[in-house]
Amino acid sequence: MSLTIRAVTRQDYDQWLPLWDGYNAFYGRSGPTALAPEITRVTWQRFFDAYEPVHGLVAESDGKLLGMTNYLFHRSTTAIEPSCYLQDLFTSEGARGQGVGAALIHGVYEQAKLAGSPRVYWQTHETNVTAQRLYDKVAERSGFIVYRKLF
């Protein structure tokens, strides 16, 4: 399979949206718990706003999008350079196990290097063991536990 990892473009929306929806459904954000359409709209717009630190990459083969990842840069109290947070990663069901996820992660690594970021990090749900097998190959598990408070 010939695979290209590239920045998302405005013309990708119709193929990006099912990947985004699949990602959100995987994490239980569908049906009554779906993200508000406004969140999807604003997320999409952020990719094309030069003042936003949010970016998107897609994996494309023969004109078809097989996966997507969204990442952002932010400041840190432990480094001068920006940190890169890989926030979302999803591949279509038919593309799984073919290296698409790893290629997208490496695409984020390249973008982080270009931005002068010394670190890329992400989190996944503890039950997402399939993804963890990939993550264990391309990064090290930090040992940190995530806490949150929703309002």
N, C-alpha and C. Protein backbone atom coordinates (compact mmCIF):
# COMPACT_ATOMS: atom_id res chain seq x y z
N MET A 1 0.84 -1.18 0.00
CA MET A 1 0.00 0.00 0.00
C MET A 1 0.88 1.24 0.00
N SER A 2 0.60 2.14 -0.90
CA SER A 2 1.29 3.43 -0.95
C SER A 2 0.57 4.39 -0.02
N LEU A 3 1.27 4.89 0.96
CA LEU A 3 0.64 5.72 1.99
C LEU A 3 1.35 7.07 2.06
N THR A 4 0.56 8.13 2.11
CA THR A 4 1.08 9.48 2.27
C THR A 4 0.52 10.07 3.55
N ILE A 5 1.39 10.63 4.36
CA ILE A 5 0.98 11.36 5.56
C ILE A 5 1.15 12.83 5.23
N ARG A 6 0.09 13.60 5.39
CA ARG A 6 0.13 15.01 5.02
C ARG A 6 -0.82 15.80 5.89
N ALA A 7 -0.66 17.13 5.84
CA ALA A 7 -1.56 18.02 6.57
C ALA A 7 -2.96 17.92 5.97
N VAL A 8 -3.93 17.99 6.82
CA VAL A 8 -5.32 17.99 6.37
C VAL A 8 -5.59 19.27 5.56
N THR A 9 -6.42 19.18 4.55
CA THR A 9 -6.81 20.34 3.74
C THR A 9 -8.31 20.52 3.82
N ARG A 10 -8.77 21.69 3.46
CA ARG A 10 -10.22 21.96 3.47
C ARG A 10 -10.99 20.97 2.59
N GLN A 11 -10.36 20.49 1.53
CA GLN A 11 -11.02 19.55 0.62
C GLN A 11 -11.20 18.16 1.24
N ASP A 12 -10.56 17.90 2.37
CA ASP A 12 -10.63 16.59 3.02
C ASP A 12 -11.86 16.41 3.90
N TYR A 13 -12.63 17.45 4.11
CA TYR A 13 -13.68 17.40 5.12
C TYR A 13 -14.60 16.19 4.98
N ASP A 14 -15.09 15.91 3.78
CA ASP A 14 -16.05 14.82 3.60
C ASP A 14 -15.48 13.46 3.94
N GLN A 15 -14.16 13.30 3.81
CA GLN A 15 -13.54 12.02 4.20
C GLN A 15 -13.02 12.06 5.64
N TRP A 16 -12.67 13.26 6.11
CA TRP A 16 -12.18 13.40 7.48
C TRP A 16 -13.31 13.18 8.48
N LEU A 17 -14.50 13.70 8.18
CA LEU A 17 -15.62 13.66 9.13
C LEU A 17 -15.97 12.23 9.57
N PRO A 18 -16.07 11.24 8.68
CA PRO A 18 -16.36 9.88 9.16
C PRO A 18 -15.26 9.33 10.07
N LEU A 19 -14.01 9.70 9.82
CA LEU A 19 -12.92 9.27 10.71
C LEU A 19 -13.08 9.92 12.08
N TRP A 20 -13.37 11.21 12.08
CA TRP A 20 -13.59 11.96 13.34
C TRP A 20 -14.77 11.36 14.10
N ASP A 21 -15.85 11.10 13.38
CA ASP A 21 -17.03 10.50 14.02
C ASP A 21 -16.72 9.11 14.57
N GLY A 22 -15.94 8.32 13.81
CA GLY A 22 -15.55 7.00 14.28
C GLY A 22 -14.70 7.06 15.53
N TYR A 23 -13.79 8.02 15.55
CA TYR A 23 -12.94 8.22 16.73
C TYR A 23 -13.81 8.55 17.95
N ASN A 24 -14.71 9.48 17.78
CA ASN A 24 -15.56 9.88 18.90
C ASN A 24 -16.49 8.75 19.33
N ALA A 25 -17.00 7.98 18.39
CA ALA A 25 -17.85 6.84 18.75
C ALA A 25 -17.05 5.80 19.54
N PHE A 26 -15.80 5.58 19.15
CA PHE A 26 -14.95 4.63 19.86
C PHE A 26 -14.84 4.99 21.34
N TYR A 27 -14.76 6.29 21.62
CA TYR A 27 -14.64 6.74 23.00
C TYR A 27 -15.99 7.08 23.64
N GLY A 28 -17.07 6.58 23.05
CA GLY A 28 -18.39 6.72 23.66
C GLY A 28 -19.03 8.07 23.46
N ARG A 29 -18.52 8.86 22.53
CA ARG A 29 -19.10 10.17 22.26
C ARG A 29 -19.96 10.09 20.99
N SER A 30 -21.07 9.37 21.11
CA SER A 30 -22.00 9.25 20.00
C SER A 30 -23.41 9.12 20.59
N GLY A 31 -24.41 9.21 19.72
CA GLY A 31 -25.79 9.14 20.21
C GLY A 31 -26.05 10.25 21.20
N PRO A 32 -26.64 9.92 22.35
CA PRO A 32 -26.98 10.96 23.33
C PRO A 32 -25.75 11.65 23.94
N THR A 33 -24.60 11.00 23.88
CA THR A 33 -23.39 11.58 24.45
C THR A 33 -22.46 12.16 23.36
N ALA A 34 -23.00 12.38 22.18
CA ALA A 34 -22.20 12.89 21.06
C ALA A 34 -21.70 14.30 21.34
N LEU A 35 -20.58 14.63 20.73
CA LEU A 35 -20.09 16.00 20.80
C LEU A 35 -21.10 16.91 20.12
N ALA A 36 -21.22 18.10 20.63
CA ALA A 36 -22.08 19.09 19.97
C ALA A 36 -21.50 19.39 18.59
N PRO A 37 -22.34 19.55 17.57
CA PRO A 37 -21.83 19.86 16.22
C PRO A 37 -20.91 21.08 16.20
N GLU A 38 -21.13 22.00 17.11
CA GLU A 38 -20.29 23.20 17.20
C GLU A 38 -18.83 22.84 17.50
N ILE A 39 -18.62 21.81 18.31
CA ILE A 39 -17.26 21.40 18.64
C ILE A 39 -16.55 20.88 17.39
N THR A 40 -17.23 20.05 16.63
CA THR A 40 -16.65 19.56 15.37
C THR A 40 -16.36 20.70 14.43
N ARG A 41 -17.29 21.63 14.29
CA ARG A 41 -17.12 22.77 13.39
C ARG A 41 -15.91 23.62 13.80
N VAL A 42 -15.80 23.93 15.08
CA VAL A 42 -14.69 24.76 15.56
C VAL A 42 -13.37 24.00 15.46
N THR A 43 -13.37 22.72 15.78
CA THR A 43 -12.15 21.92 15.64
C THR A 43 -11.66 21.97 14.20
N TRP A 44 -12.57 21.75 13.26
CA TRP A 44 -12.20 21.79 11.84
C TRP A 44 -11.63 23.15 11.46
N GLN A 45 -12.24 24.22 11.90
CA GLN A 45 -11.77 25.57 11.57
C GLN A 45 -10.39 25.84 12.17
N ARG A 46 -10.12 25.31 13.32
CA ARG A 46 -8.84 25.54 13.98
C ARG A 46 -7.66 25.04 13.15
N PHE A 47 -7.86 23.97 12.40
CA PHE A 47 -6.76 23.45 11.57
C PHE A 47 -6.25 24.49 10.58
N PHE A 48 -7.10 25.42 10.19
CA PHE A 48 -6.77 26.36 9.13
C PHE A 48 -6.56 27.79 9.63
N ASP A 49 -6.48 27.95 10.95
CA ASP A 49 -6.27 29.25 11.57
C ASP A 49 -4.81 29.32 12.04
N ALA A 50 -4.04 30.17 11.43
CA ALA A 50 -2.61 30.27 11.74
C ALA A 50 -2.35 30.64 13.20
N TYR A 51 -3.32 31.21 13.89
CA TYR A 51 -3.13 31.60 15.28
C TYR A 51 -3.46 30.48 16.26
N GLU A 52 -3.97 29.39 15.76
CA GLU A 52 -4.31 28.25 16.61
C GLU A 52 -3.15 27.27 16.67
N PRO A 53 -2.92 26.65 17.83
CA PRO A 53 -1.84 25.65 17.94
C PRO A 53 -2.32 24.24 17.59
N VAL A 54 -3.52 24.11 17.04
CA VAL A 54 -4.12 22.80 16.74
C VAL A 54 -3.87 22.46 15.27
N HIS A 55 -3.44 21.22 15.02
CA HIS A 55 -3.10 20.79 13.67
C HIS A 55 -3.66 19.40 13.40
N GLY A 56 -3.84 19.09 12.13
CA GLY A 56 -4.32 17.77 11.75
C GLY A 56 -3.49 17.18 10.63
N LEU A 57 -3.26 15.89 10.72
CA LEU A 57 -2.63 15.13 9.65
C LEU A 57 -3.59 14.02 9.23
N VAL A 58 -3.47 13.62 7.98
CA VAL A 58 -4.26 12.50 7.48
C VAL A 58 -3.33 11.51 6.79
N ALA A 59 -3.78 10.25 6.75
CA ALA A 59 -3.09 9.20 6.01
C ALA A 59 -3.93 8.93 4.77
N GLU A 60 -3.31 9.04 3.61
CA GLU A 60 -4.03 8.90 2.35
C GLU A 60 -3.39 7.82 1.48
N SER A 61 -4.23 7.02 0.85
CA SER A 61 -3.78 6.02 -0.11
C SER A 61 -4.75 6.02 -1.27
N ASP A 62 -4.24 6.21 -2.46
CA ASP A 62 -5.06 6.22 -3.69
C ASP A 62 -6.27 7.16 -3.57
N GLY A 63 -6.05 8.35 -2.99
CA GLY A 63 -7.10 9.34 -2.89
C GLY A 63 -8.10 9.11 -1.77
N LYS A 64 -7.90 8.08 -0.98
CA LYS A 64 -8.83 7.76 0.12
C LYS A 64 -8.13 7.99 1.46
N LEU A 65 -8.82 8.68 2.37
CA LEU A 65 -8.26 8.88 3.71
C LEU A 65 -8.49 7.64 4.54
N LEU A 66 -7.42 7.12 5.12
CA LEU A 66 -7.48 5.90 5.92
C LEU A 66 -7.34 6.16 7.42
N GLY A 67 -6.88 7.36 7.77
CA GLY A 67 -6.69 7.68 9.17
C GLY A 67 -6.44 9.15 9.36
N MET A 68 -6.56 9.58 10.61
CA MET A 68 -6.32 10.97 10.95
C MET A 68 -5.73 11.06 12.34
N THR A 69 -4.99 12.15 12.56
CA THR A 69 -4.50 12.46 13.89
C THR A 69 -4.53 13.97 14.06
N ASN A 70 -4.83 14.39 15.27
CA ASN A 70 -4.86 15.81 15.61
C ASN A 70 -3.89 16.02 16.76
N TYR A 71 -3.13 17.09 16.68
CA TYR A 71 -2.13 17.36 17.69
C TYR A 71 -2.06 18.86 17.93
N LEU A 72 -1.50 19.22 19.07
CA LEU A 72 -1.37 20.64 19.39
C LEU A 72 -0.09 20.89 20.15
N PHE A 73 0.35 22.13 20.07
CA PHE A 73 1.54 22.55 20.80
C PHE A 73 1.12 23.44 21.97
N HIS A 74 1.83 23.30 23.08
CA HIS A 74 1.54 24.14 24.25
C HIS A 74 2.82 24.38 25.03
N ARG A 75 2.77 25.39 25.86
CA ARG A 75 3.90 25.72 26.72
C ARG A 75 3.95 24.75 27.89
N SER A 76 5.10 24.73 28.53
CA SER A 76 5.30 23.85 29.68
C SER A 76 6.12 24.59 30.73
N THR A 77 5.99 24.17 31.96
CA THR A 77 6.80 24.75 33.02
C THR A 77 8.13 24.02 33.17
N THR A 78 8.34 22.95 32.39
CA THR A 78 9.56 22.17 32.53
C THR A 78 10.47 22.26 31.31
N ALA A 79 10.09 23.08 30.33
CA ALA A 79 10.92 23.25 29.13
C ALA A 79 10.61 24.60 28.50
N ILE A 80 11.57 25.13 27.79
CA ILE A 80 11.34 26.38 27.07
C ILE A 80 10.62 26.10 25.75
N GLU A 81 11.02 25.02 25.10
CA GLU A 81 10.41 24.66 23.83
C GLU A 81 8.98 24.17 24.04
N PRO A 82 8.15 24.25 23.00
CA PRO A 82 6.76 23.78 23.15
C PRO A 82 6.68 22.26 23.26
N SER A 83 5.71 21.79 24.01
CA SER A 83 5.40 20.36 24.06
C SER A 83 4.36 20.06 23.00
N CYS A 84 4.38 18.85 22.49
CA CYS A 84 3.42 18.44 21.47
C CYS A 84 2.53 17.35 22.05
N TYR A 85 1.25 17.63 22.08
CA TYR A 85 0.26 16.67 22.59
C TYR A 85 -0.49 16.07 21.41
N LEU A 86 -0.34 14.79 21.22
CA LEU A 86 -1.08 14.06 20.19
C LEU A 86 -2.44 13.74 20.81
N GLN A 87 -3.45 14.48 20.43
CA GLN A 87 -4.73 14.37 21.12
C GLN A 87 -5.63 13.29 20.56
N ASP A 88 -5.69 13.14 19.24
CA ASP A 88 -6.61 12.20 18.63
C ASP A 88 -5.89 11.38 17.58
N LEU A 89 -6.18 10.10 17.51
CA LEU A 89 -5.62 9.22 16.50
C LEU A 89 -6.65 8.17 16.16
N PHE A 90 -6.92 8.01 14.86
CA PHE A 90 -7.94 7.03 14.45
C PHE A 90 -7.64 6.56 13.04
N THR A 91 -7.81 5.26 12.82
CA THR A 91 -7.71 4.72 11.47
C THR A 91 -9.01 3.99 11.15
N SER A 92 -9.35 3.97 9.87
CA SER A 92 -10.56 3.25 9.45
C SER A 92 -10.37 1.77 9.75
N GLU A 93 -11.47 1.09 9.97
CA GLU A 93 -11.40 -0.31 10.36
C GLU A 93 -10.63 -1.15 9.34
N GLY A 94 -10.83 -0.90 8.06
CA GLY A 94 -10.16 -1.67 7.03
C GLY A 94 -8.67 -1.41 6.93
N ALA A 95 -8.19 -0.33 7.52
CA ALA A 95 -6.77 0.03 7.45
C ALA A 95 -6.00 -0.41 8.68
N ARG A 96 -6.68 -0.95 9.65
CA ARG A 96 -5.99 -1.32 10.89
C ARG A 96 -5.03 -2.48 10.68
N GLY A 97 -3.92 -2.43 11.38
CA GLY A 97 -2.92 -3.48 11.29
C GLY A 97 -2.02 -3.36 10.07
N GLN A 98 -2.12 -2.26 9.34
CA GLN A 98 -1.33 -2.07 8.13
C GLN A 98 -0.29 -0.96 8.27
N GLY A 99 -0.07 -0.48 9.48
CA GLY A 99 0.96 0.53 9.70
C GLY A 99 0.49 1.97 9.59
N VAL A 100 -0.81 2.17 9.41
CA VAL A 100 -1.34 3.53 9.25
C VAL A 100 -1.19 4.32 10.55
N GLY A 101 -1.57 3.72 11.67
CA GLY A 101 -1.44 4.40 12.96
C GLY A 101 -0.01 4.79 13.26
N ALA A 102 0.92 3.86 13.05
CA ALA A 102 2.34 4.15 13.29
C ALA A 102 2.82 5.27 12.38
N ALA A 103 2.39 5.24 11.12
CA ALA A 103 2.81 6.29 10.18
C ALA A 103 2.29 7.65 10.62
N LEU A 104 1.07 7.69 11.12
CA LEU A 104 0.51 8.96 11.61
C LEU A 104 1.29 9.46 12.83
N ILE A 105 1.61 8.57 13.74
CA ILE A 105 2.39 8.96 14.92
C ILE A 105 3.75 9.50 14.49
N HIS A 106 4.40 8.82 13.57
CA HIS A 106 5.70 9.30 13.08
C HIS A 106 5.56 10.62 12.35
N GLY A 107 4.41 10.84 11.70
CA GLY A 107 4.14 12.13 11.08
C GLY A 107 4.08 13.24 12.12
N VAL A 108 3.46 12.96 13.25
CA VAL A 108 3.43 13.94 14.34
C VAL A 108 4.84 14.16 14.89
N TYR A 109 5.61 13.09 15.02
CA TYR A 109 7.00 13.24 15.47
C TYR A 109 7.74 14.22 14.57
N GLU A 110 7.58 14.06 13.27
CA GLU A 110 8.27 14.95 12.32
C GLU A 110 7.83 16.40 12.49
N GLN A 111 6.53 16.61 12.64
CA GLN A 111 6.02 17.98 12.83
C GLN A 111 6.54 18.57 14.14
N ALA A 112 6.63 17.76 15.17
CA ALA A 112 7.15 18.24 16.46
C ALA A 112 8.62 18.65 16.32
N LYS A 113 9.40 17.84 15.62
CA LYS A 113 10.81 18.19 15.40
C LYS A 113 10.93 19.50 14.64
N LEU A 114 10.11 19.66 13.60
CA LEU A 114 10.15 20.90 12.81
C LEU A 114 9.79 22.12 13.65
N ALA A 115 8.93 21.93 14.65
CA ALA A 115 8.51 23.03 15.52
C ALA A 115 9.47 23.25 16.69
N GLY A 116 10.51 22.42 16.78
CA GLY A 116 11.46 22.56 17.88
C GLY A 116 10.97 21.96 19.18
N SER A 117 10.00 21.09 19.10
CA SER A 117 9.46 20.46 20.29
C SER A 117 10.26 19.20 20.62
N PRO A 118 10.75 19.07 21.85
CA PRO A 118 11.55 17.91 22.22
C PRO A 118 10.72 16.71 22.67
N ARG A 119 9.38 16.87 22.69
CA ARG A 119 8.58 15.80 23.28
C ARG A 119 7.21 15.74 22.63
N VAL A 120 6.78 14.51 22.33
CA VAL A 120 5.40 14.23 21.92
C VAL A 120 4.84 13.27 22.95
N TYR A 121 3.65 13.53 23.41
CA TYR A 121 3.02 12.63 24.37
C TYR A 121 1.53 12.52 24.07
N TRP A 122 0.92 11.47 24.59
CA TRP A 122 -0.52 11.26 24.41
C TRP A 122 -1.01 10.34 25.50
N GLN A 123 -2.31 10.16 25.53
CA GLN A 123 -2.92 9.23 26.47
C GLN A 123 -3.94 8.37 25.72
N THR A 124 -4.25 7.25 26.29
CA THR A 124 -5.30 6.39 25.75
C THR A 124 -6.03 5.77 26.91
N HIS A 125 -7.19 5.25 26.64
CA HIS A 125 -7.97 4.61 27.70
C HIS A 125 -7.31 3.28 28.07
N GLU A 126 -7.38 2.94 29.34
CA GLU A 126 -6.73 1.72 29.81
C GLU A 126 -7.27 0.46 29.13
N THR A 127 -8.48 0.52 28.60
CA THR A 127 -9.06 -0.65 27.93
C THR A 127 -8.65 -0.75 26.45
N ASN A 128 -7.98 0.24 25.93
CA ASN A 128 -7.60 0.25 24.51
C ASN A 128 -6.29 -0.52 24.32
N VAL A 129 -6.34 -1.82 24.58
CA VAL A 129 -5.14 -2.64 24.57
C VAL A 129 -4.57 -2.83 23.16
N THR A 130 -5.42 -2.82 22.15
CA THR A 130 -4.91 -2.95 20.78
C THR A 130 -3.99 -1.79 20.45
N ALA A 131 -4.44 -0.57 20.74
CA ALA A 131 -3.61 0.61 20.47
C ALA A 131 -2.35 0.58 21.34
N GLN A 132 -2.47 0.12 22.56
CA GLN A 132 -1.31 0.10 23.45
C GLN A 132 -0.19 -0.79 22.91
N ARG A 133 -0.54 -1.85 22.18
CA ARG A 133 0.51 -2.69 21.59
C ARG A 133 1.33 -1.88 20.59
N LEU A 134 0.67 -1.03 19.81
CA LEU A 134 1.39 -0.14 18.89
C LEU A 134 2.18 0.89 19.68
N TYR A 135 1.54 1.55 20.63
CA TYR A 135 2.18 2.62 21.38
C TYR A 135 3.44 2.14 22.10
N ASP A 136 3.40 0.91 22.60
CA ASP A 136 4.57 0.35 23.29
C ASP A 136 5.75 0.17 22.34
N LYS A 137 5.48 0.10 21.03
CA LYS A 137 6.55 -0.04 20.04
C LYS A 137 7.15 1.30 19.61
N VAL A 138 6.35 2.37 19.69
CA VAL A 138 6.80 3.65 19.13
C VAL A 138 7.10 4.71 20.18
N ALA A 139 6.87 4.38 21.45
CA ALA A 139 7.12 5.35 22.53
C ALA A 139 7.29 4.59 23.85
N GLU A 140 7.60 5.33 24.88
CA GLU A 140 7.70 4.70 26.20
C GLU A 140 6.53 5.12 27.06
N ARG A 141 6.06 4.21 27.86
CA ARG A 141 4.96 4.48 28.78
C ARG A 141 5.51 5.32 29.93
N SER A 142 4.88 6.47 30.19
CA SER A 142 5.43 7.41 31.16
C SER A 142 5.15 7.03 32.61
N GLY A 143 4.11 6.28 32.84
CA GLY A 143 3.76 5.92 34.21
C GLY A 143 2.83 6.91 34.89
N PHE A 144 2.55 8.04 34.23
CA PHE A 144 1.66 9.03 34.82
C PHE A 144 0.21 8.59 34.71
N ILE A 145 -0.58 8.94 35.70
CA ILE A 145 -2.01 8.67 35.74
C ILE A 145 -2.73 10.00 35.54
N VAL A 146 -3.76 9.99 34.73
CA VAL A 146 -4.49 11.21 34.42
C VAL A 146 -5.68 11.37 35.36
N TYR A 147 -5.81 12.54 35.95
CA TYR A 147 -6.98 12.91 36.75
C TYR A 147 -7.70 14.03 36.04
N ARG A 148 -9.01 14.12 36.23
CA ARG A 148 -9.74 15.22 35.63
C ARG A 148 -10.98 15.53 36.46
N LYS A 149 -11.46 16.72 36.29
CA LYS A 149 -12.69 17.19 36.91
C LYS A 149 -13.48 17.87 35.82
N LEU A 150 -14.66 17.39 35.53
CA LEU A 150 -15.51 17.97 34.49
C LEU A 150 -16.51 18.92 35.14
N PHE A 151 -16.77 20.02 34.46
CA PHE A 151 -17.74 21.00 34.95
C PHE A 151 -18.86 21.15 33.96
